[in-house]
Amino acid sequence: MNMELGKEQNNLACYTLLVDLLWEVRKLIDSPNTDITWSNYRSVEEVLSACDTYIERLNENDKSVVTELELLFAPTGSLQEISISSGWSNEYIGLSSRFDDIVGCN
């Protein structure tokens, strides 16, 4: 039973780190310089709304969101395309590395 509790607490800590990471991503996207041309999104508002939804779902401990985030952070995924087009690809590399580390903590 203690192992289950420990795993649940670890998952919650990981979700908190993912929420913090998504807030950083959201801040970078919420810029007049954001170019979503090569992403799967139709507007900056749509990307921001998606970030808000991911944050909300993580706060509700929705495990399925992690798989969706793995696609979002994947090489040539929408976030990488947005970062390249918008001039923050170096920041993206750091964010995606942190994402991989956080997801690996489960």
PDB file of N, CA and C in Angstrom:
ATOM      1  N   MET A   1       0.828  -1.196   0.000  1.00  0.00           N
ATOM      2  CA  MET A   1       0.000   0.000   0.000  1.00  0.00           C
ATOM      3  C   MET A   1       0.871   1.259   0.000  1.00  0.00           C
ATOM      4  N   ASN A   2       1.958   1.259   0.785  1.00  0.00           N
ATOM      5  CA  ASN A   2       2.846   2.412   0.807  1.00  0.00           C
ATOM      6  C   ASN A   2       3.486   2.656  -0.546  1.00  0.00           C
ATOM      7  N   MET A   3       3.760   1.583  -1.296  1.00  0.00           N
ATOM      8  CA  MET A   3       4.348   1.744  -2.630  1.00  0.00           C
ATOM      9  C   MET A   3       3.361   2.425  -3.567  1.00  0.00           C
ATOM     10  N   GLU A   4       2.079   2.078  -3.457  1.00  0.00           N
ATOM     11  CA  GLU A   4       1.050   2.720  -4.284  1.00  0.00           C
ATOM     12  C   GLU A   4       0.965   4.205  -3.968  1.00  0.00           C
ATOM     13  N   LEU A   5       0.979   4.533  -2.692  1.00  0.00           N
ATOM     14  CA  LEU A   5       0.911   5.929  -2.281  1.00  0.00           C
ATOM     15  C   LEU A   5       2.124   6.693  -2.786  1.00  0.00           C
ATOM     16  N   GLY A   6       3.295   6.080  -2.690  1.00  0.00           N
ATOM     17  CA  GLY A   6       4.510   6.719  -3.184  1.00  0.00           C
ATOM     18  C   GLY A   6       4.455   6.967  -4.673  1.00  0.00           C
ATOM     19  N   LYS A   7       3.939   5.999  -5.429  1.00  0.00           N
ATOM     20  CA  LYS A   7       3.820   6.157  -6.879  1.00  0.00           C
ATOM     21  C   LYS A   7       2.829   7.266  -7.225  1.00  0.00           C
ATOM     22  N   GLU A   8       1.718   7.318  -6.492  1.00  0.00           N
ATOM     23  CA  GLU A   8       0.717   8.355  -6.736  1.00  0.00           C
ATOM     24  C   GLU A   8       1.299   9.735  -6.447  1.00  0.00           C
ATOM     25  N   GLN A   9       2.044   9.877  -5.361  1.00  0.00           N
ATOM     26  CA  GLN A   9       2.673  11.152  -5.041  1.00  0.00           C
ATOM     27  C   GLN A   9       3.702  11.537  -6.098  1.00  0.00           C
ATOM     28  N   ASN A  10       4.442  10.558  -6.612  1.00  0.00           N
ATOM     29  CA  ASN A  10       5.421  10.810  -7.670  1.00  0.00           C
ATOM     30  C   ASN A  10       4.716  11.295  -8.939  1.00  0.00           C
ATOM     31  N   ASN A  11       3.601  10.648  -9.288  1.00  0.00           N
ATOM     32  CA  ASN A  11       2.832  11.068 -10.465  1.00  0.00           C
ATOM     33  C   ASN A  11       2.346  12.501 -10.305  1.00  0.00           C
ATOM     34  N   LEU A  12       1.841  12.836  -9.109  1.00  0.00           N
ATOM     35  CA  LEU A  12       1.364  14.198  -8.870  1.00  0.00           C
ATOM     36  C   LEU A  12       2.500  15.205  -9.006  1.00  0.00           C
ATOM     37  N   ALA A  13       3.678  14.852  -8.506  1.00  0.00           N
ATOM     38  CA  ALA A  13       4.834  15.741  -8.635  1.00  0.00           C
ATOM     39  C   ALA A  13       5.202  15.925 -10.105  1.00  0.00           C
ATOM     40  N   CYS A  14       5.155  14.841 -10.869  1.00  0.00           N
ATOM     41  CA  CYS A  14       5.453  14.929 -12.304  1.00  0.00           C
ATOM     42  C   CYS A  14       4.424  15.791 -13.019  1.00  0.00           C
ATOM     43  N   TYR A  15       3.148  15.629 -12.676  1.00  0.00           N
ATOM     44  CA  TYR A  15       2.102  16.442 -13.292  1.00  0.00           C
ATOM     45  C   TYR A  15       2.312  17.916 -12.976  1.00  0.00           C
ATOM     46  N   THR A  16       2.723  18.218 -11.756  1.00  0.00           N
ATOM     47  CA  THR A  16       2.988  19.602 -11.374  1.00  0.00           C
ATOM     48  C   THR A  16       4.129  20.180 -12.209  1.00  0.00           C
ATOM     49  N   LEU A  17       5.178  19.389 -12.413  1.00  0.00           N
ATOM     50  CA  LEU A  17       6.292  19.843 -13.252  1.00  0.00           C
ATOM     51  C   LEU A  17       5.848  20.051 -14.697  1.00  0.00           C
ATOM     52  N   LEU A  18       4.974  19.181 -15.191  1.00  0.00           N
ATOM     53  CA  LEU A  18       4.460  19.342 -16.559  1.00  0.00           C
ATOM     54  C   LEU A  18       3.609  20.604 -16.674  1.00  0.00           C
ATOM     55  N   VAL A  19       2.810  20.877 -15.664  1.00  0.00           N
ATOM     56  CA  VAL A  19       1.993  22.098 -15.672  1.00  0.00           C
ATOM     57  C   VAL A  19       2.909  23.322 -15.725  1.00  0.00           C
ATOM     58  N   ASP A  20       3.946  23.329 -14.902  1.00  0.00           N
ATOM     59  CA  ASP A  20       4.897  24.458 -14.911  1.00  0.00           C
ATOM     60  C   ASP A  20       5.547  24.613 -16.285  1.00  0.00           C
ATOM     61  N   LEU A  21       5.914  23.506 -16.889  1.00  0.00           N
ATOM     62  CA  LEU A  21       6.534  23.523 -18.217  1.00  0.00           C
ATOM     63  C   LEU A  21       5.561  24.070 -19.259  1.00  0.00           C
ATOM     64  N   LEU A  22       4.313  23.642 -19.197  1.00  0.00           N
ATOM     65  CA  LEU A  22       3.311  24.128 -20.153  1.00  0.00           C
ATOM     66  C   LEU A  22       3.047  25.624 -19.986  1.00  0.00           C
ATOM     67  N   TRP A  23       3.128  26.130 -18.762  1.00  0.00           N
ATOM     68  CA  TRP A  23       2.988  27.579 -18.571  1.00  0.00           C
ATOM     69  C   TRP A  23       4.123  28.326 -19.258  1.00  0.00           C
ATOM     70  N   GLU A  24       5.327  27.768 -19.204  1.00  0.00           N
ATOM     71  CA  GLU A  24       6.468  28.383 -19.897  1.00  0.00           C
ATOM     72  C   GLU A  24       6.245  28.370 -21.408  1.00  0.00           C
ATOM     73  N   VAL A  25       5.779  27.244 -21.927  1.00  0.00           N
ATOM     74  CA  VAL A  25       5.497  27.128 -23.359  1.00  0.00           C
ATOM     75  C   VAL A  25       4.412  28.125 -23.749  1.00  0.00           C
ATOM     76  N   ARG A  26       3.380  28.189 -22.938  1.00  0.00           N
ATOM     77  CA  ARG A  26       2.264  29.093 -23.228  1.00  0.00           C
ATOM     78  C   ARG A  26       2.738  30.535 -23.303  1.00  0.00           C
ATOM     79  N   LYS A  27       3.629  30.916 -22.382  1.00  0.00           N
ATOM     80  CA  LYS A  27       4.161  32.279 -22.367  1.00  0.00           C
ATOM     81  C   LYS A  27       4.922  32.581 -23.665  1.00  0.00           C
ATOM     82  N   LEU A  28       5.702  31.618 -24.155  1.00  0.00           N
ATOM     83  CA  LEU A  28       6.438  31.812 -25.409  1.00  0.00           C
ATOM     84  C   LEU A  28       5.486  31.925 -26.606  1.00  0.00           C
ATOM     85  N   ILE A  29       4.429  31.152 -26.583  1.00  0.00           N
ATOM     86  CA  ILE A  29       3.481  31.159 -27.699  1.00  0.00           C
ATOM     87  C   ILE A  29       2.639  32.430 -27.704  1.00  0.00           C
ATOM     88  N   ASP A  30       2.331  32.951 -26.532  1.00  0.00           N
ATOM     89  CA  ASP A  30       1.472  34.131 -26.417  1.00  0.00           C
ATOM     90  C   ASP A  30       2.276  35.390 -26.737  1.00  0.00           C
ATOM     91  N   SER A  31       2.651  35.496 -28.004  1.00  0.00           N
ATOM     92  CA  SER A  31       3.497  36.589 -28.477  1.00  0.00           C
ATOM     93  C   SER A  31       3.026  37.019 -29.859  1.00  0.00           C
ATOM     94  N   PRO A  32       3.178  38.297 -30.165  1.00  0.00           N
ATOM     95  CA  PRO A  32       2.801  38.748 -31.516  1.00  0.00           C
ATOM     96  C   PRO A  32       3.689  38.150 -32.604  1.00  0.00           C
ATOM     97  N   ASN A  33       4.836  37.590 -32.233  1.00  0.00           N
ATOM     98  CA  ASN A  33       5.761  37.008 -33.210  1.00  0.00           C
ATOM     99  C   ASN A  33       5.503  35.528 -33.487  1.00  0.00           C
ATOM    100  N   THR A  34       4.502  34.952 -32.863  1.00  0.00           N
ATOM    101  CA  THR A  34       4.247  33.525 -33.025  1.00  0.00           C
ATOM    102  C   THR A  34       3.715  33.226 -34.414  1.00  0.00           C
ATOM    103  N   ASP A  35       4.375  32.272 -35.069  1.00  0.00           N
ATOM    104  CA  ASP A  35       4.000  31.828 -36.412  1.00  0.00           C
ATOM    105  C   ASP A  35       3.609  30.354 -36.334  1.00  0.00           C
ATOM    106  N   ILE A  36       2.344  30.066 -36.607  1.00  0.00           N
ATOM    107  CA  ILE A  36       1.832  28.698 -36.494  1.00  0.00           C
ATOM    108  C   ILE A  36       1.699  28.015 -37.865  1.00  0.00           C
ATOM    109  N   THR A  37       2.258  28.623 -38.882  1.00  0.00           N
ATOM    110  CA  THR A  37       2.083  28.148 -40.257  1.00  0.00           C
ATOM    111  C   THR A  37       2.360  26.662 -40.429  1.00  0.00           C
ATOM    112  N   TRP A  38       3.437  26.159 -39.862  1.00  0.00           N
ATOM    113  CA  TRP A  38       3.835  24.767 -40.084  1.00  0.00           C
ATOM    114  C   TRP A  38       3.334  23.809 -39.004  1.00  0.00           C
ATOM    115  N   SER A  39       2.487  24.303 -38.125  1.00  0.00           N
ATOM    116  CA  SER A  39       1.951  23.449 -37.059  1.00  0.00           C
ATOM    117  C   SER A  39       0.587  22.894 -37.478  1.00  0.00           C
ATOM    118  N   ASN A  40       0.010  22.106 -36.599  1.00  0.00           N
ATOM    119  CA  ASN A  40      -1.332  21.547 -36.848  1.00  0.00           C
ATOM    120  C   ASN A  40      -2.438  22.481 -36.369  1.00  0.00           C
ATOM    121  N   TYR A  41      -2.088  23.668 -35.943  1.00  0.00           N
ATOM    122  CA  TYR A  41      -3.073  24.605 -35.412  1.00  0.00           C
ATOM    123  C   TYR A  41      -3.429  25.661 -36.454  1.00  0.00           C
ATOM    124  N   ARG A  42      -4.638  26.189 -36.327  1.00  0.00           N
ATOM    125  CA  ARG A  42      -5.120  27.210 -37.268  1.00  0.00           C
ATOM    126  C   ARG A  42      -4.898  28.629 -36.769  1.00  0.00           C
ATOM    127  N   SER A  43      -4.666  28.773 -35.457  1.00  0.00           N
ATOM    128  CA  SER A  43      -4.459  30.118 -34.903  1.00  0.00           C
ATOM    129  C   SER A  43      -3.668  30.018 -33.607  1.00  0.00           C
ATOM    130  N   VAL A  44      -3.097  31.143 -33.212  1.00  0.00           N
ATOM    131  CA  VAL A  44      -2.382  31.204 -31.944  1.00  0.00           C
ATOM    132  C   VAL A  44      -3.359  30.939 -30.801  1.00  0.00           C
ATOM    133  N   GLU A  45      -4.567  31.481 -30.916  1.00  0.00           N
ATOM    134  CA  GLU A  45      -5.576  31.277 -29.884  1.00  0.00           C
ATOM    135  C   GLU A  45      -5.886  29.794 -29.699  1.00  0.00           C
ATOM    136  N   GLU A  46      -5.884  29.038 -30.781  1.00  0.00           N
ATOM    137  CA  GLU A  46      -6.139  27.604 -30.691  1.00  0.00           C
ATOM    138  C   GLU A  46      -5.013  26.897 -29.928  1.00  0.00           C
ATOM    139  N   VAL A  47      -3.773  27.300 -30.173  1.00  0.00           N
ATOM    140  CA  VAL A  47      -2.639  26.707 -29.456  1.00  0.00           C
ATOM    141  C   VAL A  47      -2.736  27.047 -27.971  1.00  0.00           C
ATOM    142  N   LEU A  48      -3.030  28.304 -27.663  1.00  0.00           N
ATOM    143  CA  LEU A  48      -3.148  28.722 -26.274  1.00  0.00           C
ATOM    144  C   LEU A  48      -4.276  27.977 -25.572  1.00  0.00           C
ATOM    145  N   SER A  49      -5.378  27.810 -26.261  1.00  0.00           N
ATOM    146  CA  SER A  49      -6.506  27.057 -25.700  1.00  0.00           C
ATOM    147  C   SER A  49      -6.119  25.602 -25.440  1.00  0.00           C
ATOM    148  N   ALA A  50      -5.363  25.018 -26.355  1.00  0.00           N
ATOM    149  CA  ALA A  50      -4.907  23.635 -26.174  1.00  0.00           C
ATOM    150  C   ALA A  50      -4.003  23.546 -24.947  1.00  0.00           C
ATOM    151  N   CYS A  51      -3.099  24.508 -24.786  1.00  0.00           N
ATOM    152  CA  CYS A  51      -2.227  24.528 -23.600  1.00  0.00           C
ATOM    153  C   CYS A  51      -3.068  24.612 -22.326  1.00  0.00           C
ATOM    154  N   ASP A  52      -4.067  25.485 -22.338  1.00  0.00           N
ATOM    155  CA  ASP A  52      -4.940  25.626 -21.170  1.00  0.00           C
ATOM    156  C   ASP A  52      -5.664  24.324 -20.858  1.00  0.00           C
ATOM    157  N   THR A  53      -6.111  23.635 -21.898  1.00  0.00           N
ATOM    158  CA  THR A  53      -6.806  22.363 -21.708  1.00  0.00           C
ATOM    159  C   THR A  53      -5.866  21.307 -21.154  1.00  0.00           C
ATOM    160  N   TYR A  54      -4.645  21.244 -21.678  1.00  0.00           N
ATOM    161  CA  TYR A  54      -3.665  20.285 -21.154  1.00  0.00           C
ATOM    162  C   TYR A  54      -3.374  20.562 -19.682  1.00  0.00           C
ATOM    163  N   ILE A  55      -3.222  21.829 -19.329  1.00  0.00           N
ATOM    164  CA  ILE A  55      -2.961  22.204 -17.941  1.00  0.00           C
ATOM    165  C   ILE A  55      -4.127  21.781 -17.048  1.00  0.00           C
ATOM    166  N   GLU A  56      -5.326  22.066 -17.496  1.00  0.00           N
ATOM    167  CA  GLU A  56      -6.522  21.694 -16.732  1.00  0.00           C
ATOM    168  C   GLU A  56      -6.597  20.179 -16.526  1.00  0.00           C
ATOM    169  N   ARG A  57      -6.344  19.439 -17.589  1.00  0.00           N
ATOM    170  CA  ARG A  57      -6.409  17.981 -17.490  1.00  0.00           C
ATOM    171  C   ARG A  57      -5.322  17.424 -16.573  1.00  0.00           C
ATOM    172  N   LEU A  58      -4.124  17.994 -16.615  1.00  0.00           N
ATOM    173  CA  LEU A  58      -3.065  17.561 -15.698  1.00  0.00           C
ATOM    174  C   LEU A  58      -3.448  17.862 -14.253  1.00  0.00           C
ATOM    175  N   ASN A  59      -4.055  19.023 -14.041  1.00  0.00           N
ATOM    176  CA  ASN A  59      -4.495  19.374 -12.693  1.00  0.00           C
ATOM    177  C   ASN A  59      -5.592  18.438 -12.187  1.00  0.00           C
ATOM    178  N   GLU A  60      -6.285  17.789 -13.107  1.00  0.00           N
ATOM    179  CA  GLU A  60      -7.310  16.798 -12.754  1.00  0.00           C
ATOM    180  C   GLU A  60      -6.737  15.376 -12.732  1.00  0.00           C
ATOM    181  N   ASN A  61      -5.402  15.268 -12.859  1.00  0.00           N
ATOM    182  CA  ASN A  61      -4.694  13.975 -12.847  1.00  0.00           C
ATOM    183  C   ASN A  61      -5.121  13.049 -13.991  1.00  0.00           C
ATOM    184  N   ASP A  62      -5.389  13.617 -15.144  1.00  0.00           N
ATOM    185  CA  ASP A  62      -5.759  12.846 -16.339  1.00  0.00           C
ATOM    186  C   ASP A  62      -4.487  12.282 -16.976  1.00  0.00           C
ATOM    187  N   LYS A  63      -4.249  11.006 -16.786  1.00  0.00           N
ATOM    188  CA  LYS A  63      -3.032  10.361 -17.282  1.00  0.00           C
ATOM    189  C   LYS A  63      -2.949  10.339 -18.805  1.00  0.00           C
ATOM    190  N   SER A  64      -4.087  10.319 -19.470  1.00  0.00           N
ATOM    191  CA  SER A  64      -4.084  10.200 -20.934  1.00  0.00           C
ATOM    192  C   SER A  64      -3.468  11.415 -21.623  1.00  0.00           C
ATOM    193  N   VAL A  65      -3.407  12.541 -20.933  1.00  0.00           N
ATOM    194  CA  VAL A  65      -2.855  13.749 -21.535  1.00  0.00           C
ATOM    195  C   VAL A  65      -1.360  13.605 -21.829  1.00  0.00           C
ATOM    196  N   VAL A  66      -0.672  12.748 -21.085  1.00  0.00           N
ATOM    197  CA  VAL A  66       0.766  12.595 -21.277  1.00  0.00           C
ATOM    198  C   VAL A  66       1.068  12.085 -22.691  1.00  0.00           C
ATOM    199  N   THR A  67       0.293  11.142 -23.175  1.00  0.00           N
ATOM    200  CA  THR A  67       0.485  10.623 -24.538  1.00  0.00           C
ATOM    201  C   THR A  67       0.287  11.732 -25.565  1.00  0.00           C
ATOM    202  N   GLU A  68      -0.707  12.556 -25.364  1.00  0.00           N
ATOM    203  CA  GLU A  68      -0.950  13.675 -26.283  1.00  0.00           C
ATOM    204  C   GLU A  68       0.211  14.677 -26.236  1.00  0.00           C
ATOM    205  N   LEU A  69       0.734  14.909 -25.045  1.00  0.00           N
ATOM    206  CA  LEU A  69       1.865  15.829 -24.911  1.00  0.00           C
ATOM    207  C   LEU A  69       3.121  15.263 -25.553  1.00  0.00           C
ATOM    208  N   GLU A  70       3.287  13.945 -25.499  1.00  0.00           N
ATOM    209  CA  GLU A  70       4.444  13.331 -26.159  1.00  0.00           C
ATOM    210  C   GLU A  70       4.420  13.612 -27.657  1.00  0.00           C
ATOM    211  N   LEU A  71       3.247  13.604 -28.258  1.00  0.00           N
ATOM    212  CA  LEU A  71       3.126  13.949 -29.684  1.00  0.00           C
ATOM    213  C   LEU A  71       3.395  15.427 -29.913  1.00  0.00           C
ATOM    214  N   LEU A  72       2.911  16.256 -29.022  1.00  0.00           N
ATOM    215  CA  LEU A  72       3.099  17.697 -29.151  1.00  0.00           C
ATOM    216  C   LEU A  72       4.571  18.078 -29.060  1.00  0.00           C
ATOM    217  N   PHE A  73       5.318  17.415 -28.156  1.00  0.00           N
ATOM    218  CA  PHE A  73       6.732  17.719 -27.947  1.00  0.00           C
ATOM    219  C   PHE A  73       7.664  16.902 -28.847  1.00  0.00           C
ATOM    220  N   ALA A  74       7.124  16.006 -29.639  1.00  0.00           N
ATOM    221  CA  ALA A  74       7.952  15.142 -30.481  1.00  0.00           C
ATOM    222  C   ALA A  74       8.722  15.954 -31.524  1.00  0.00           C
ATOM    223  N   PRO A  75       9.880  15.429 -31.967  1.00  0.00           N
ATOM    224  CA  PRO A  75      10.595  16.086 -33.068  1.00  0.00           C
ATOM    225  C   PRO A  75       9.671  16.237 -34.276  1.00  0.00           C
ATOM    226  N   THR A  76       9.695  17.369 -34.873  1.00  0.00           N
ATOM    227  CA  THR A  76       8.828  17.789 -35.980  1.00  0.00           C
ATOM    228  C   THR A  76       7.361  17.870 -35.570  1.00  0.00           C
ATOM    229  N   GLY A  77       7.089  17.849 -34.269  1.00  0.00           N
ATOM    230  CA  GLY A  77       5.735  18.072 -33.777  1.00  0.00           C
ATOM    231  C   GLY A  77       5.394  19.550 -33.847  1.00  0.00           C
ATOM    232  N   SER A  78       4.167  19.857 -33.535  1.00  0.00           N
ATOM    233  CA  SER A  78       3.701  21.240 -33.649  1.00  0.00           C
ATOM    234  C   SER A  78       4.518  22.232 -32.837  1.00  0.00           C
ATOM    235  N   LEU A  79       4.897  21.871 -31.626  1.00  0.00           N
ATOM    236  CA  LEU A  79       5.668  22.824 -30.818  1.00  0.00           C
ATOM    237  C   LEU A  79       7.023  23.124 -31.428  1.00  0.00           C
ATOM    238  N   GLN A  80       7.685  22.099 -31.938  1.00  0.00           N
ATOM    239  CA  GLN A  80       8.981  22.363 -32.559  1.00  0.00           C
ATOM    240  C   GLN A  80       8.807  23.239 -33.800  1.00  0.00           C
ATOM    241  N   GLU A  81       7.798  22.959 -34.593  1.00  0.00           N
ATOM    242  CA  GLU A  81       7.550  23.766 -35.791  1.00  0.00           C
ATOM    243  C   GLU A  81       7.255  25.218 -35.417  1.00  0.00           C
ATOM    244  N   ILE A  82       6.440  25.413 -34.381  1.00  0.00           N
ATOM    245  CA  ILE A  82       6.127  26.776 -33.936  1.00  0.00           C
ATOM    246  C   ILE A  82       7.396  27.468 -33.434  1.00  0.00           C
ATOM    247  N   SER A  83       8.202  26.750 -32.673  1.00  0.00           N
ATOM    248  CA  SER A  83       9.413  27.360 -32.109  1.00  0.00           C
ATOM    249  C   SER A  83      10.379  27.794 -33.208  1.00  0.00           C
ATOM    250  N   ILE A  84      10.539  26.969 -34.222  1.00  0.00           N
ATOM    251  CA  ILE A  84      11.440  27.313 -35.333  1.00  0.00           C
ATOM    252  C   ILE A  84      10.918  28.540 -36.072  1.00  0.00           C
ATOM    253  N   SER A  85       9.634  28.524 -36.409  1.00  0.00           N
ATOM    254  CA  SER A  85       9.033  29.631 -37.165  1.00  0.00           C
ATOM    255  C   SER A  85       8.983  30.924 -36.364  1.00  0.00           C
ATOM    256  N   SER A  86       8.971  30.791 -35.039  1.00  0.00           N
ATOM    257  CA  SER A  86       8.783  31.960 -34.181  1.00  0.00           C
ATOM    258  C   SER A  86      10.065  32.464 -33.539  1.00  0.00           C
ATOM    259  N   GLY A  87      11.187  31.792 -33.800  1.00  0.00           N
ATOM    260  CA  GLY A  87      12.473  32.279 -33.326  1.00  0.00           C
ATOM    261  C   GLY A  87      12.877  31.856 -31.925  1.00  0.00           C
ATOM    262  N   TRP A  88      12.247  30.809 -31.386  1.00  0.00           N
ATOM    263  CA  TRP A  88      12.665  30.335 -30.063  1.00  0.00           C
ATOM    264  C   TRP A  88      12.996  28.843 -30.060  1.00  0.00           C
ATOM    265  N   SER A  89      13.654  28.409 -31.129  1.00  0.00           N
ATOM    266  CA  SER A  89      14.002  26.987 -31.246  1.00  0.00           C
ATOM    267  C   SER A  89      15.024  26.549 -30.189  1.00  0.00           C
ATOM    268  N   ASN A  90      15.949  27.444 -29.806  1.00  0.00           N
ATOM    269  CA  ASN A  90      16.913  27.081 -28.750  1.00  0.00           C
ATOM    270  C   ASN A  90      16.200  26.838 -27.424  1.00  0.00           C
ATOM    271  N   GLU A  91      15.228  27.692 -27.108  1.00  0.00           N
ATOM    272  CA  GLU A  91      14.447  27.496 -25.887  1.00  0.00           C
ATOM    273  C   GLU A  91      13.660  26.190 -25.964  1.00  0.00           C
ATOM    274  N   TYR A  92      13.148  25.890 -27.149  1.00  0.00           N
ATOM    275  CA  TYR A  92      12.381  24.653 -27.323  1.00  0.00           C
ATOM    276  C   TYR A  92      13.230  23.424 -26.998  1.00  0.00           C
ATOM    277  N   ILE A  93      14.474  23.420 -27.423  1.00  0.00           N
ATOM    278  CA  ILE A  93      15.349  22.270 -27.156  1.00  0.00           C
ATOM    279  C   ILE A  93      15.440  22.016 -25.653  1.00  0.00           C
ATOM    280  N   GLY A  94      15.623  23.064 -24.889  1.00  0.00           N
ATOM    281  CA  GLY A  94      15.666  22.923 -23.438  1.00  0.00           C
ATOM    282  C   GLY A  94      14.351  22.460 -22.854  1.00  0.00           C
ATOM    283  N   LEU A  95      13.255  23.024 -23.363  1.00  0.00           N
ATOM    284  CA  LEU A  95      11.923  22.631 -22.878  1.00  0.00           C
ATOM    285  C   LEU A  95      11.617  21.175 -23.204  1.00  0.00           C
ATOM    286  N   SER A  96      11.952  20.762 -24.414  1.00  0.00           N
ATOM    287  CA  SER A  96      11.646  19.377 -24.794  1.00  0.00           C
ATOM    288  C   SER A  96      12.512  18.386 -24.015  1.00  0.00           C
ATOM    289  N   SER A  97      13.740  18.780 -23.709  1.00  0.00           N
ATOM    290  CA  SER A  97      14.601  17.934 -22.890  1.00  0.00           C
ATOM    291  C   SER A  97      14.036  17.798 -21.479  1.00  0.00           C
ATOM    292  N   ARG A  98      13.583  18.904 -20.929  1.00  0.00           N
ATOM    293  CA  ARG A  98      12.937  18.859 -19.608  1.00  0.00           C
ATOM    294  C   ARG A  98      11.675  18.015 -19.647  1.00  0.00           C
ATOM    295  N   PHE A  99      10.905  18.140 -20.730  1.00  0.00           N
ATOM    296  CA  PHE A  99       9.688  17.336 -20.881  1.00  0.00           C
ATOM    297  C   PHE A  99      10.051  15.840 -20.823  1.00  0.00           C
ATOM    298  N   ASP A 100      11.057  15.455 -21.597  1.00  0.00           N
ATOM    299  CA  ASP A 100      11.481  14.040 -21.599  1.00  0.00           C
ATOM    300  C   ASP A 100      11.894  13.573 -20.207  1.00  0.00           C
ATOM    301  N   ASP A 101      12.617  14.422 -19.482  1.00  0.00           N
ATOM    302  CA  ASP A 101      13.036  14.082 -18.121  1.00  0.00           C
ATOM    303  C   ASP A 101      11.825  13.921 -17.197  1.00  0.00           C
ATOM    304  N   ILE A 102      10.878  14.821 -17.314  1.00  0.00           N
ATOM    305  CA  ILE A 102       9.683  14.776 -16.447  1.00  0.00           C
ATOM    306  C   ILE A 102       8.861  13.531 -16.759  1.00  0.00           C
ATOM    307  N   VAL A 103       8.634  13.264 -18.017  1.00  0.00           N
ATOM    308  CA  VAL A 103       7.836  12.091 -18.399  1.00  0.00           C
ATOM    309  C   VAL A 103       8.533  10.813 -17.951  1.00  0.00           C
ATOM    310  N   GLY A 104       9.850  10.814 -17.951  1.00  0.00           N
ATOM    311  CA  GLY A 104      10.601   9.649 -17.499  1.00  0.00           C
ATOM    312  C   GLY A 104      10.535   9.420 -16.006  1.00  0.00           C
ATOM    313  N   CYS A 105      10.039  10.393 -15.249  1.00  0.00           N
ATOM    314  CA  CYS A 105       9.996  10.235 -13.787  1.00  0.00           C
ATOM    315  C   CYS A 105       8.848   9.356 -13.339  1.00  0.00           C
ATOM    316  N   ASN A 106       7.925   9.042 -14.241  1.00  0.00           N
ATOM    317  CA  ASN A 106       6.806   8.162 -13.855  1.00  0.00           C
ATOM    318  C   ASN A 106       7.316   6.764 -13.756  1.00  0.00           C
TER     319      ASN A 106
END
